[in-house]
């Protein structure tokens, strides 16, 4: 249990030029603490990656209780998350995307689950998209084969391979252990933070949560998908501002970093070769028109 000065949960939100989305997110955060007499104690932390849309000023005005780290440059997702994690001594931590809307009692349910399941390092929630459908975000760990198919843009030709990786056979209504879960609602237990630590900053964006889940399994702990914790995921409002070439570059770099770490040797070199083969096509397809 928490000491008199230690909070139950720290919520870390990383933002970049999504002011209105962040404000709506924070409204849902403060409405989701639960019944006041039993509300969990929270640290709410915003790490802003050098937004130019007035995010920091708007949050300070509307939510004075939110702790803010205002970076002067975009440090990427993993490093910004770690800045937020370091700011709080709360027992458990939650990485929450800025375009999320959490349901009432989501935080109380998360804390209760982590408190009563000390073997669980990471908890992922039941996520519902803008279309009202449940998102199947449980994934099996990446293999060389499925990631080569993704890199070469051939995944539609091999649905059986991709279905296994994407976890399409996993029931999103059932609580279960998973290899990895989406980082949009990514709760990390106190036990995991003490045993495993924080995110690996070699990943600017993408694969950082997969890497963390891999470290969880390596440490003998569990990643759990818990559908009794509900949240709505508006998906990629910051990403929508980036062009395809930037996204492909970051995705490629992170995939290579992941395989360098977990499949060093032939596996990692296979991934590099696949990206080398497809990169001229990506550059051609994403070139900017001459005005």
C-alpha atoms as a PDB file:
ATOM      1  CA  UNK A   1       0.000   0.000   0.000  1.00  0.00           C
ATOM      2  CA  UNK A   2       1.035   3.596  -0.515  1.00  0.00           C
ATOM      3  CA  UNK A   3       2.565   5.621   2.307  1.00  0.00           C
ATOM      4  CA  UNK A   4       0.830   8.826   3.356  1.00  0.00           C
ATOM      5  CA  UNK A   5       2.916  10.795   0.846  1.00  0.00           C
ATOM      6  CA  UNK A   6       3.122   8.233  -1.966  1.00  0.00           C
ATOM      7  CA  UNK A   7       0.490   8.302  -4.685  1.00  0.00           C
ATOM      8  CA  UNK A   8      -1.199   5.204  -6.056  1.00  0.00           C
ATOM      9  CA  UNK A   9      -0.668   5.935  -9.742  1.00  0.00           C
ATOM     10  CA  UNK A  10       1.316   8.330 -11.907  1.00  0.00           C
ATOM     11  CA  UNK A  11      -0.249   9.042 -15.303  1.00  0.00           C
ATOM     12  CA  UNK A  12       2.319  10.145 -17.892  1.00  0.00           C
ATOM     13  CA  UNK A  13       1.028  11.762 -21.081  1.00  0.00           C
ATOM     14  CA  UNK A  14       3.381  12.774 -23.897  1.00  0.00           C
ATOM     15  CA  UNK A  15       2.104  15.460 -26.272  1.00  0.00           C
ATOM     16  CA  UNK A  16       3.120  17.128 -29.502  1.00  0.00           C
ATOM     17  CA  UNK A  17       0.887  19.765 -31.136  1.00  0.00           C
ATOM     18  CA  UNK A  18      -2.439  18.251 -30.047  1.00  0.00           C
ATOM     19  CA  UNK A  19      -3.717  20.901 -27.621  1.00  0.00           C
ATOM     20  CA  UNK A  20      -7.448  20.235 -27.942  1.00  0.00           C
ATOM     21  CA  UNK A  21      -6.927  16.479 -27.806  1.00  0.00           C
ATOM     22  CA  UNK A  22      -4.816  16.776 -24.646  1.00  0.00           C
ATOM     23  CA  UNK A  23      -7.373  19.007 -22.940  1.00  0.00           C
ATOM     24  CA  UNK A  24     -10.134  16.486 -23.671  1.00  0.00           C
ATOM     25  CA  UNK A  25      -7.848  13.692 -22.459  1.00  0.00           C
ATOM     26  CA  UNK A  26      -7.198  15.462 -19.161  1.00  0.00           C
ATOM     27  CA  UNK A  27     -10.891  16.107 -18.629  1.00  0.00           C
ATOM     28  CA  UNK A  28     -11.502  12.377 -18.904  1.00  0.00           C
ATOM     29  CA  UNK A  29      -8.575  11.659 -16.580  1.00  0.00           C
ATOM     30  CA  UNK A  30      -9.964  13.796 -13.784  1.00  0.00           C
ATOM     31  CA  UNK A  31     -13.482  12.424 -14.308  1.00  0.00           C
ATOM     32  CA  UNK A  32     -12.237   8.836 -14.128  1.00  0.00           C
ATOM     33  CA  UNK A  33     -10.872   8.713 -10.614  1.00  0.00           C
ATOM     34  CA  UNK A  34     -14.023   7.050  -9.309  1.00  0.00           C
ATOM     35  CA  UNK A  35     -16.209   7.638  -6.271  1.00  0.00           C
ATOM     36  CA  UNK A  36     -14.602  10.431  -4.290  1.00  0.00           C
ATOM     37  CA  UNK A  37     -14.381   8.527  -0.982  1.00  0.00           C
ATOM     38  CA  UNK A  38     -12.562   5.695  -2.689  1.00  0.00           C
ATOM     39  CA  UNK A  39     -10.741   7.606  -5.393  1.00  0.00           C
ATOM     40  CA  UNK A  40      -7.123   6.593  -6.003  1.00  0.00           C
ATOM     41  CA  UNK A  41      -4.455   9.202  -5.463  1.00  0.00           C
ATOM     42  CA  UNK A  42      -2.882  10.330  -8.722  1.00  0.00           C
ATOM     43  CA  UNK A  43       0.079  12.238 -10.085  1.00  0.00           C
ATOM     44  CA  UNK A  44      -0.841  13.546 -13.531  1.00  0.00           C
ATOM     45  CA  UNK A  45       2.193  14.486 -15.617  1.00  0.00           C
ATOM     46  CA  UNK A  46       2.295  16.021 -19.080  1.00  0.00           C
ATOM     47  CA  UNK A  47       5.565  15.852 -20.994  1.00  0.00           C
ATOM     48  CA  UNK A  48       5.289  18.184 -23.953  1.00  0.00           C
ATOM     49  CA  UNK A  49       7.727  17.622 -26.812  1.00  0.00           C
ATOM     50  CA  UNK A  50       8.109  21.233 -27.944  1.00  0.00           C
ATOM     51  CA  UNK A  51       4.568  21.857 -29.180  1.00  0.00           C
ATOM     52  CA  UNK A  52       3.972  25.076 -31.101  1.00  0.00           C
ATOM     53  CA  UNK A  53       0.188  25.193 -30.613  1.00  0.00           C
ATOM     54  CA  UNK A  54      -0.035  26.551 -27.059  1.00  0.00           C
ATOM     55  CA  UNK A  55      -0.501  23.149 -25.398  1.00  0.00           C
ATOM     56  CA  UNK A  56       1.586  23.957 -22.325  1.00  0.00           C
ATOM     57  CA  UNK A  57      -0.086  27.307 -21.679  1.00  0.00           C
ATOM     58  CA  UNK A  58      -3.592  25.875 -22.157  1.00  0.00           C
ATOM     59  CA  UNK A  59      -2.966  22.964 -19.788  1.00  0.00           C
ATOM     60  CA  UNK A  60      -1.456  25.236 -17.133  1.00  0.00           C
ATOM     61  CA  UNK A  61      -4.539  27.449 -17.282  1.00  0.00           C
ATOM     62  CA  UNK A  62      -7.135  24.670 -17.291  1.00  0.00           C
ATOM     63  CA  UNK A  63      -5.450  22.074 -15.067  1.00  0.00           C
ATOM     64  CA  UNK A  64      -3.126  23.712 -12.532  1.00  0.00           C
ATOM     65  CA  UNK A  65      -2.657  20.406 -10.683  1.00  0.00           C
ATOM     66  CA  UNK A  66      -0.990  18.784 -13.698  1.00  0.00           C
ATOM     67  CA  UNK A  67       2.789  18.627 -13.487  1.00  0.00           C
ATOM     68  CA  UNK A  68       4.341  19.757 -16.771  1.00  0.00           C
ATOM     69  CA  UNK A  69       7.695  19.131 -18.379  1.00  0.00           C
ATOM     70  CA  UNK A  70       8.045  21.498 -21.348  1.00  0.00           C
ATOM     71  CA  UNK A  71      10.823  20.221 -23.591  1.00  0.00           C
ATOM     72  CA  UNK A  72      12.485  22.671 -25.968  1.00  0.00           C
ATOM     73  CA  UNK A  73      12.890  19.979 -28.616  1.00  0.00           C
ATOM     74  CA  UNK A  74      11.060  16.809 -29.591  1.00  0.00           C
ATOM     75  CA  UNK A  75      12.909  14.094 -27.695  1.00  0.00           C
ATOM     76  CA  UNK A  76      10.774  11.235 -28.986  1.00  0.00           C
ATOM     77  CA  UNK A  77       8.309   9.058 -27.125  1.00  0.00           C
ATOM     78  CA  UNK A  78      10.482   6.754 -25.025  1.00  0.00           C
ATOM     79  CA  UNK A  79      12.734   9.491 -23.641  1.00  0.00           C
ATOM     80  CA  UNK A  80       9.775  11.768 -22.888  1.00  0.00           C
ATOM     81  CA  UNK A  81       7.969   8.938 -21.100  1.00  0.00           C
ATOM     82  CA  UNK A  82      11.041   8.319 -18.966  1.00  0.00           C
ATOM     83  CA  UNK A  83      11.175  12.006 -18.047  1.00  0.00           C
ATOM     84  CA  UNK A  84       7.627  11.711 -16.748  1.00  0.00           C
ATOM     85  CA  UNK A  85       8.258   8.434 -14.956  1.00  0.00           C
ATOM     86  CA  UNK A  86      11.186  10.003 -13.107  1.00  0.00           C
ATOM     87  CA  UNK A  87       9.042  12.880 -11.854  1.00  0.00           C
ATOM     88  CA  UNK A  88       6.770  10.779  -9.635  1.00  0.00           C
ATOM     89  CA  UNK A  89       7.331   8.326  -6.793  1.00  0.00           C
ATOM     90  CA  UNK A  90       3.856   6.815  -7.230  1.00  0.00           C
ATOM     91  CA  UNK A  91       3.667   3.061  -6.732  1.00  0.00           C
ATOM     92  CA  UNK A  92       2.428   2.234 -10.236  1.00  0.00           C
ATOM     93  CA  UNK A  93       2.782   4.145 -13.494  1.00  0.00           C
ATOM     94  CA  UNK A  94       0.533   4.512 -16.537  1.00  0.00           C
ATOM     95  CA  UNK A  95       1.715   5.619 -19.966  1.00  0.00           C
ATOM     96  CA  UNK A  96      -1.375   7.155 -21.538  1.00  0.00           C
ATOM     97  CA  UNK A  97      -1.491   8.445 -25.103  1.00  0.00           C
ATOM     98  CA  UNK A  98      -2.849  12.000 -25.454  1.00  0.00           C
ATOM     99  CA  UNK A  99      -5.675  10.862 -27.729  1.00  0.00           C
ATOM    100  CA  UNK A 100      -7.179   8.501 -25.125  1.00  0.00           C
ATOM    101  CA  UNK A 101     -10.451   8.837 -23.222  1.00  0.00           C
ATOM    102  CA  UNK A 102     -10.592   6.689 -20.110  1.00  0.00           C
ATOM    103  CA  UNK A 103     -13.779   5.253 -18.646  1.00  0.00           C
ATOM    104  CA  UNK A 104     -14.854   5.868 -15.031  1.00  0.00           C
ATOM    105  CA  UNK A 105     -12.950   3.748 -12.511  1.00  0.00           C
ATOM    106  CA  UNK A 106     -10.343   2.697 -15.084  1.00  0.00           C
ATOM    107  CA  UNK A 107      -7.557   3.885 -12.796  1.00  0.00           C
ATOM    108  CA  UNK A 108      -9.043   2.314  -9.670  1.00  0.00           C
ATOM    109  CA  UNK A 109      -9.428  -0.996 -11.515  1.00  0.00           C
ATOM    110  CA  UNK A 110      -5.861  -0.788 -12.826  1.00  0.00           C
ATOM    111  CA  UNK A 111      -4.409  -0.127  -9.373  1.00  0.00           C
ATOM    112  CA  UNK A 112      -6.490  -2.875  -7.775  1.00  0.00           C
ATOM    113  CA  UNK A 113      -5.424  -5.400 -10.389  1.00  0.00           C
ATOM    114  CA  UNK A 114      -1.724  -4.596 -10.098  1.00  0.00           C
ATOM    115  CA  UNK A 115      -1.935  -4.634  -6.297  1.00  0.00           C
ATOM    116  CA  UNK A 116      -3.505  -8.095  -6.256  1.00  0.00           C
ATOM    117  CA  UNK A 117      -1.361  -9.609  -9.015  1.00  0.00           C
ATOM    118  CA  UNK A 118       2.275  -8.952  -8.045  1.00  0.00           C
ATOM    119  CA  UNK A 119       3.509 -11.189 -10.870  1.00  0.00           C
ATOM    120  CA  UNK A 120       2.043  -8.799 -13.474  1.00  0.00           C
ATOM    121  CA  UNK A 121       4.437  -6.195 -14.845  1.00  0.00           C
ATOM    122  CA  UNK A 122       2.301  -4.612 -17.588  1.00  0.00           C
ATOM    123  CA  UNK A 123      -1.454  -4.204 -17.896  1.00  0.00           C
ATOM    124  CA  UNK A 124      -3.179  -3.376 -21.181  1.00  0.00           C
ATOM    125  CA  UNK A 125      -6.796  -2.191 -21.341  1.00  0.00           C
ATOM    126  CA  UNK A 126      -9.790  -2.956 -23.528  1.00  0.00           C
ATOM    127  CA  UNK A 127      -9.546  -0.242 -26.184  1.00  0.00           C
ATOM    128  CA  UNK A 128     -12.424   0.962 -28.339  1.00  0.00           C
ATOM    129  CA  UNK A 129     -11.754   2.918 -31.534  1.00  0.00           C
ATOM    130  CA  UNK A 130     -13.610   5.900 -32.964  1.00  0.00           C
ATOM    131  CA  UNK A 131     -15.776   3.485 -34.932  1.00  0.00           C
ATOM    132  CA  UNK A 132     -17.051   1.936 -31.687  1.00  0.00           C
ATOM    133  CA  UNK A 133     -15.307  -1.369 -32.325  1.00  0.00           C
ATOM    134  CA  UNK A 134     -12.999  -3.103 -29.893  1.00  0.00           C
ATOM    135  CA  UNK A 135      -9.387  -2.893 -31.025  1.00  0.00           C
ATOM    136  CA  UNK A 136      -7.504  -6.191 -31.206  1.00  0.00           C
ATOM    137  CA  UNK A 137      -4.177  -4.882 -29.978  1.00  0.00           C
ATOM    138  CA  UNK A 138      -2.662  -7.977 -28.388  1.00  0.00           C
ATOM    139  CA  UNK A 139       0.363  -9.002 -30.431  1.00  0.00           C
ATOM    140  CA  UNK A 140       2.727 -11.926 -30.510  1.00  0.00           C
ATOM    141  CA  UNK A 141       6.383 -11.006 -30.459  1.00  0.00           C
ATOM    142  CA  UNK A 142       7.753 -10.006 -33.877  1.00  0.00           C
ATOM    143  CA  UNK A 143       9.607 -12.626 -35.876  1.00  0.00           C
ATOM    144  CA  UNK A 144      12.011 -12.074 -38.755  1.00  0.00           C
ATOM    145  CA  UNK A 145       9.458 -13.496 -41.211  1.00  0.00           C
ATOM    146  CA  UNK A 146       6.481 -11.323 -40.309  1.00  0.00           C
ATOM    147  CA  UNK A 147       8.576  -8.153 -40.061  1.00  0.00           C
ATOM    148  CA  UNK A 148      10.257  -8.795 -43.422  1.00  0.00           C
ATOM    149  CA  UNK A 149       6.783  -9.115 -44.940  1.00  0.00           C
ATOM    150  CA  UNK A 150       5.820  -5.784 -43.355  1.00  0.00           C
ATOM    151  CA  UNK A 151       9.020  -4.074 -44.529  1.00  0.00           C
ATOM    152  CA  UNK A 152       8.587  -5.354 -48.093  1.00  0.00           C
ATOM    153  CA  UNK A 153       4.878  -4.410 -48.148  1.00  0.00           C
ATOM    154  CA  UNK A 154       3.924  -8.056 -48.769  1.00  0.00           C
ATOM    155  CA  UNK A 155       1.869  -8.735 -45.646  1.00  0.00           C
ATOM    156  CA  UNK A 156      -1.448  -8.998 -47.511  1.00  0.00           C
ATOM    157  CA  UNK A 157      -0.075 -11.909 -49.546  1.00  0.00           C
ATOM    158  CA  UNK A 158       0.568 -14.020 -46.445  1.00  0.00           C
ATOM    159  CA  UNK A 159      -2.467 -13.600 -44.185  1.00  0.00           C
ATOM    160  CA  UNK A 160      -1.820 -16.751 -42.160  1.00  0.00           C
ATOM    161  CA  UNK A 161       1.601 -15.508 -41.076  1.00  0.00           C
ATOM    162  CA  UNK A 162       0.307 -12.032 -40.304  1.00  0.00           C
ATOM    163  CA  UNK A 163      -2.795 -13.257 -38.471  1.00  0.00           C
ATOM    164  CA  UNK A 164      -0.583 -15.107 -36.031  1.00  0.00           C
ATOM    165  CA  UNK A 165       1.563 -12.024 -35.405  1.00  0.00           C
ATOM    166  CA  UNK A 166      -1.473  -9.727 -35.156  1.00  0.00           C
ATOM    167  CA  UNK A 167      -3.186 -12.053 -32.678  1.00  0.00           C
ATOM    168  CA  UNK A 168      -6.450 -12.180 -34.609  1.00  0.00           C
ATOM    169  CA  UNK A 169      -7.302 -15.466 -32.866  1.00  0.00           C
ATOM    170  CA  UNK A 170      -7.162 -13.846 -29.410  1.00  0.00           C
ATOM    171  CA  UNK A 171     -10.515 -12.928 -27.846  1.00  0.00           C
ATOM    172  CA  UNK A 172     -10.551  -9.250 -26.896  1.00  0.00           C
ATOM    173  CA  UNK A 173     -13.356  -9.881 -24.395  1.00  0.00           C
ATOM    174  CA  UNK A 174     -11.295 -12.331 -22.325  1.00  0.00           C
ATOM    175  CA  UNK A 175      -8.671 -11.525 -19.725  1.00  0.00           C
ATOM    176  CA  UNK A 176      -5.454 -13.254 -20.743  1.00  0.00           C
ATOM    177  CA  UNK A 177      -1.697 -13.197 -20.828  1.00  0.00           C
ATOM    178  CA  UNK A 178      -0.197 -11.637 -23.964  1.00  0.00           C
ATOM    179  CA  UNK A 179       3.219 -11.224 -25.511  1.00  0.00           C
ATOM    180  CA  UNK A 180       2.703  -7.481 -25.903  1.00  0.00           C
ATOM    181  CA  UNK A 181      -0.075  -4.900 -25.760  1.00  0.00           C
ATOM    182  CA  UNK A 182      -0.530  -1.496 -27.351  1.00  0.00           C
ATOM    183  CA  UNK A 183       1.287   1.323 -25.618  1.00  0.00           C
ATOM    184  CA  UNK A 184      -1.745   3.644 -25.672  1.00  0.00           C
ATOM    185  CA  UNK A 185      -2.812   2.473 -22.183  1.00  0.00           C
ATOM    186  CA  UNK A 186       0.301   0.840 -20.765  1.00  0.00           C
ATOM    187  CA  UNK A 187       0.275   0.401 -17.006  1.00  0.00           C
ATOM    188  CA  UNK A 188       3.546  -0.640 -15.372  1.00  0.00           C
ATOM    189  CA  UNK A 189       3.580  -2.084 -11.867  1.00  0.00           C
ATOM    190  CA  UNK A 190       5.825  -1.009  -9.040  1.00  0.00           C
ATOM    191  CA  UNK A 191       7.409  -4.482  -9.071  1.00  0.00           C
ATOM    192  CA  UNK A 192       8.293  -4.120 -12.763  1.00  0.00           C
ATOM    193  CA  UNK A 193       9.784  -0.666 -12.323  1.00  0.00           C
ATOM    194  CA  UNK A 194      11.992  -1.973  -9.535  1.00  0.00           C
ATOM    195  CA  UNK A 195      12.993  -5.139 -11.397  1.00  0.00           C
ATOM    196  CA  UNK A 196      13.048  -4.065 -15.056  1.00  0.00           C
ATOM    197  CA  UNK A 197      13.294  -0.293 -15.058  1.00  0.00           C
ATOM    198  CA  UNK A 198      11.962   2.169 -17.614  1.00  0.00           C
ATOM    199  CA  UNK A 199      11.711   2.312 -21.411  1.00  0.00           C
ATOM    200  CA  UNK A 200      14.756   1.856 -23.630  1.00  0.00           C
ATOM    201  CA  UNK A 201      15.568   5.203 -25.207  1.00  0.00           C
ATOM    202  CA  UNK A 202      17.173   3.713 -28.307  1.00  0.00           C
ATOM    203  CA  UNK A 203      13.613   3.788 -29.717  1.00  0.00           C
ATOM    204  CA  UNK A 204      12.532   7.274 -30.786  1.00  0.00           C
ATOM    205  CA  UNK A 205       9.038   6.023 -31.540  1.00  0.00           C
ATOM    206  CA  UNK A 206       7.624   2.518 -32.173  1.00  0.00           C
ATOM    207  CA  UNK A 207       8.744  -0.811 -30.718  1.00  0.00           C
ATOM    208  CA  UNK A 208       9.515   0.700 -27.297  1.00  0.00           C
ATOM    209  CA  UNK A 209       6.518  -1.041 -25.702  1.00  0.00           C
ATOM    210  CA  UNK A 210       7.272  -4.331 -27.506  1.00  0.00           C
ATOM    211  CA  UNK A 211      10.824  -4.162 -26.225  1.00  0.00           C
ATOM    212  CA  UNK A 212       9.570  -3.529 -22.688  1.00  0.00           C
ATOM    213  CA  UNK A 213       7.195  -6.493 -22.874  1.00  0.00           C
ATOM    214  CA  UNK A 214      10.072  -8.655 -24.110  1.00  0.00           C
ATOM    215  CA  UNK A 215      12.108  -7.579 -21.078  1.00  0.00           C
ATOM    216  CA  UNK A 216       9.122  -8.409 -18.865  1.00  0.00           C
ATOM    217  CA  UNK A 217       8.997 -11.966 -20.195  1.00  0.00           C
ATOM    218  CA  UNK A 218      12.761 -12.282 -19.871  1.00  0.00           C
ATOM    219  CA  UNK A 219      12.436 -11.297 -16.195  1.00  0.00           C
ATOM    220  CA  UNK A 220       9.795 -13.985 -15.582  1.00  0.00           C
ATOM    221  CA  UNK A 221       6.883 -11.562 -15.122  1.00  0.00           C
ATOM    222  CA  UNK A 222       3.599 -11.242 -17.023  1.00  0.00           C
ATOM    223  CA  UNK A 223       1.954  -8.926 -19.532  1.00  0.00           C
ATOM    224  CA  UNK A 224      -1.808  -9.064 -19.040  1.00  0.00           C
ATOM    225  CA  UNK A 225      -4.700  -7.900 -21.178  1.00  0.00           C
ATOM    226  CA  UNK A 226      -7.471  -6.876 -18.774  1.00  0.00           C
ATOM    227  CA  UNK A 227     -10.770  -5.996 -20.518  1.00  0.00           C
ATOM    228  CA  UNK A 228     -12.404  -4.852 -17.269  1.00  0.00           C
ATOM    229  CA  UNK A 229     -10.292  -1.700 -17.700  1.00  0.00           C
ATOM    230  CA  UNK A 230     -11.911   0.369 -20.480  1.00  0.00           C
ATOM    231  CA  UNK A 231     -10.590   3.232 -22.585  1.00  0.00           C
ATOM    232  CA  UNK A 232     -11.298   4.852 -25.953  1.00  0.00           C
ATOM    233  CA  UNK A 233      -8.448   5.262 -28.424  1.00  0.00           C
ATOM    234  CA  UNK A 234      -8.686   7.985 -31.070  1.00  0.00           C
ATOM    235  CA  UNK A 235      -5.377   6.766 -32.567  1.00  0.00           C
ATOM    236  CA  UNK A 236      -2.511   8.801 -33.905  1.00  0.00           C
ATOM    237  CA  UNK A 237      -3.545  12.450 -33.719  1.00  0.00           C
ATOM    238  CA  UNK A 238       0.093  13.512 -33.490  1.00  0.00           C
ATOM    239  CA  UNK A 239       1.140  11.016 -36.182  1.00  0.00           C
ATOM    240  CA  UNK A 240      -1.434  12.479 -38.548  1.00  0.00           C
ATOM    241  CA  UNK A 241       0.709  15.609 -38.725  1.00  0.00           C
ATOM    242  CA  UNK A 242       3.766  13.692 -39.955  1.00  0.00           C
ATOM    243  CA  UNK A 243       4.392  12.719 -43.560  1.00  0.00           C
ATOM    244  CA  UNK A 244       4.713   9.142 -44.735  1.00  0.00           C
ATOM    245  CA  UNK A 245       8.473   9.319 -45.275  1.00  0.00           C
ATOM    246  CA  UNK A 246       9.070  10.437 -41.681  1.00  0.00           C
ATOM    247  CA  UNK A 247       6.851   7.645 -40.347  1.00  0.00           C
ATOM    248  CA  UNK A 248       8.556   5.021 -42.487  1.00  0.00           C
ATOM    249  CA  UNK A 249      11.996   6.254 -41.407  1.00  0.00           C
ATOM    250  CA  UNK A 250      11.160   6.058 -37.704  1.00  0.00           C
ATOM    251  CA  UNK A 251       9.463   2.680 -38.094  1.00  0.00           C
ATOM    252  CA  UNK A 252      12.443   1.268 -40.000  1.00  0.00           C
ATOM    253  CA  UNK A 253      14.948   2.582 -37.464  1.00  0.00           C
ATOM    254  CA  UNK A 254      13.015   1.190 -34.517  1.00  0.00           C
ATOM    255  CA  UNK A 255      12.470  -2.204 -36.138  1.00  0.00           C
ATOM    256  CA  UNK A 256      16.193  -2.498 -36.867  1.00  0.00           C
ATOM    257  CA  UNK A 257      17.010  -1.482 -33.280  1.00  0.00           C
ATOM    258  CA  UNK A 258      14.629  -4.127 -31.941  1.00  0.00           C
ATOM    259  CA  UNK A 259      16.160  -6.897 -34.022  1.00  0.00           C
ATOM    260  CA  UNK A 260      19.690  -5.736 -33.256  1.00  0.00           C
ATOM    261  CA  UNK A 261      18.837  -6.239 -29.604  1.00  0.00           C
ATOM    262  CA  UNK A 262      16.763  -9.414 -29.648  1.00  0.00           C
ATOM    263  CA  UNK A 263      17.812 -11.231 -32.849  1.00  0.00           C
ATOM    264  CA  UNK A 264      21.428 -10.189 -33.349  1.00  0.00           C
ATOM    265  CA  UNK A 265      23.207 -11.884 -36.240  1.00  0.00           C
ATOM    266  CA  UNK A 266      21.372 -13.363 -39.223  1.00  0.00           C
ATOM    267  CA  UNK A 267      17.954 -12.182 -38.045  1.00  0.00           C
ATOM    268  CA  UNK A 268      19.007  -8.565 -37.648  1.00  0.00           C
ATOM    269  CA  UNK A 269      20.877  -8.562 -40.950  1.00  0.00           C
ATOM    270  CA  UNK A 270      17.860 -10.031 -42.740  1.00  0.00           C
ATOM    271  CA  UNK A 271      15.754  -7.135 -41.508  1.00  0.00           C
ATOM    272  CA  UNK A 272      18.390  -4.640 -42.659  1.00  0.00           C
ATOM    273  CA  UNK A 273      18.558  -6.234 -46.115  1.00  0.00           C
ATOM    274  CA  UNK A 274      14.758  -6.137 -46.467  1.00  0.00           C
ATOM    275  CA  UNK A 275      14.667  -2.415 -45.701  1.00  0.00           C
ATOM    276  CA  UNK A 276      17.614  -1.762 -48.031  1.00  0.00           C
ATOM    277  CA  UNK A 277      15.720  -3.446 -50.859  1.00  0.00           C
ATOM    278  CA  UNK A 278      12.479  -1.551 -50.310  1.00  0.00           C
ATOM    279  CA  UNK A 279      13.887   1.856 -49.392  1.00  0.00           C
ATOM    280  CA  UNK A 280      14.362   3.194 -52.963  1.00  0.00           C
ATOM    281  CA  UNK A 281      10.699   2.411 -53.628  1.00  0.00           C
ATOM    282  CA  UNK A 282       9.644   4.252 -50.443  1.00  0.00           C
ATOM    283  CA  UNK A 283      11.757   7.279 -51.349  1.00  0.00           C
ATOM    284  CA  UNK A 284      10.269   7.353 -54.844  1.00  0.00           C
ATOM    285  CA  UNK A 285       6.702   6.955 -53.628  1.00  0.00           C
ATOM    286  CA  UNK A 286       7.025   9.623 -50.921  1.00  0.00           C
ATOM    287  CA  UNK A 287       9.012  12.211 -52.823  1.00  0.00           C
ATOM    288  CA  UNK A 288       7.595  15.704 -52.653  1.00  0.00           C
ATOM    289  CA  UNK A 289       6.229  17.113 -55.907  1.00  0.00           C
ATOM    290  CA  UNK A 290       8.169  19.914 -57.569  1.00  0.00           C
ATOM    291  CA  UNK A 291       6.150  23.120 -57.324  1.00  0.00           C
END
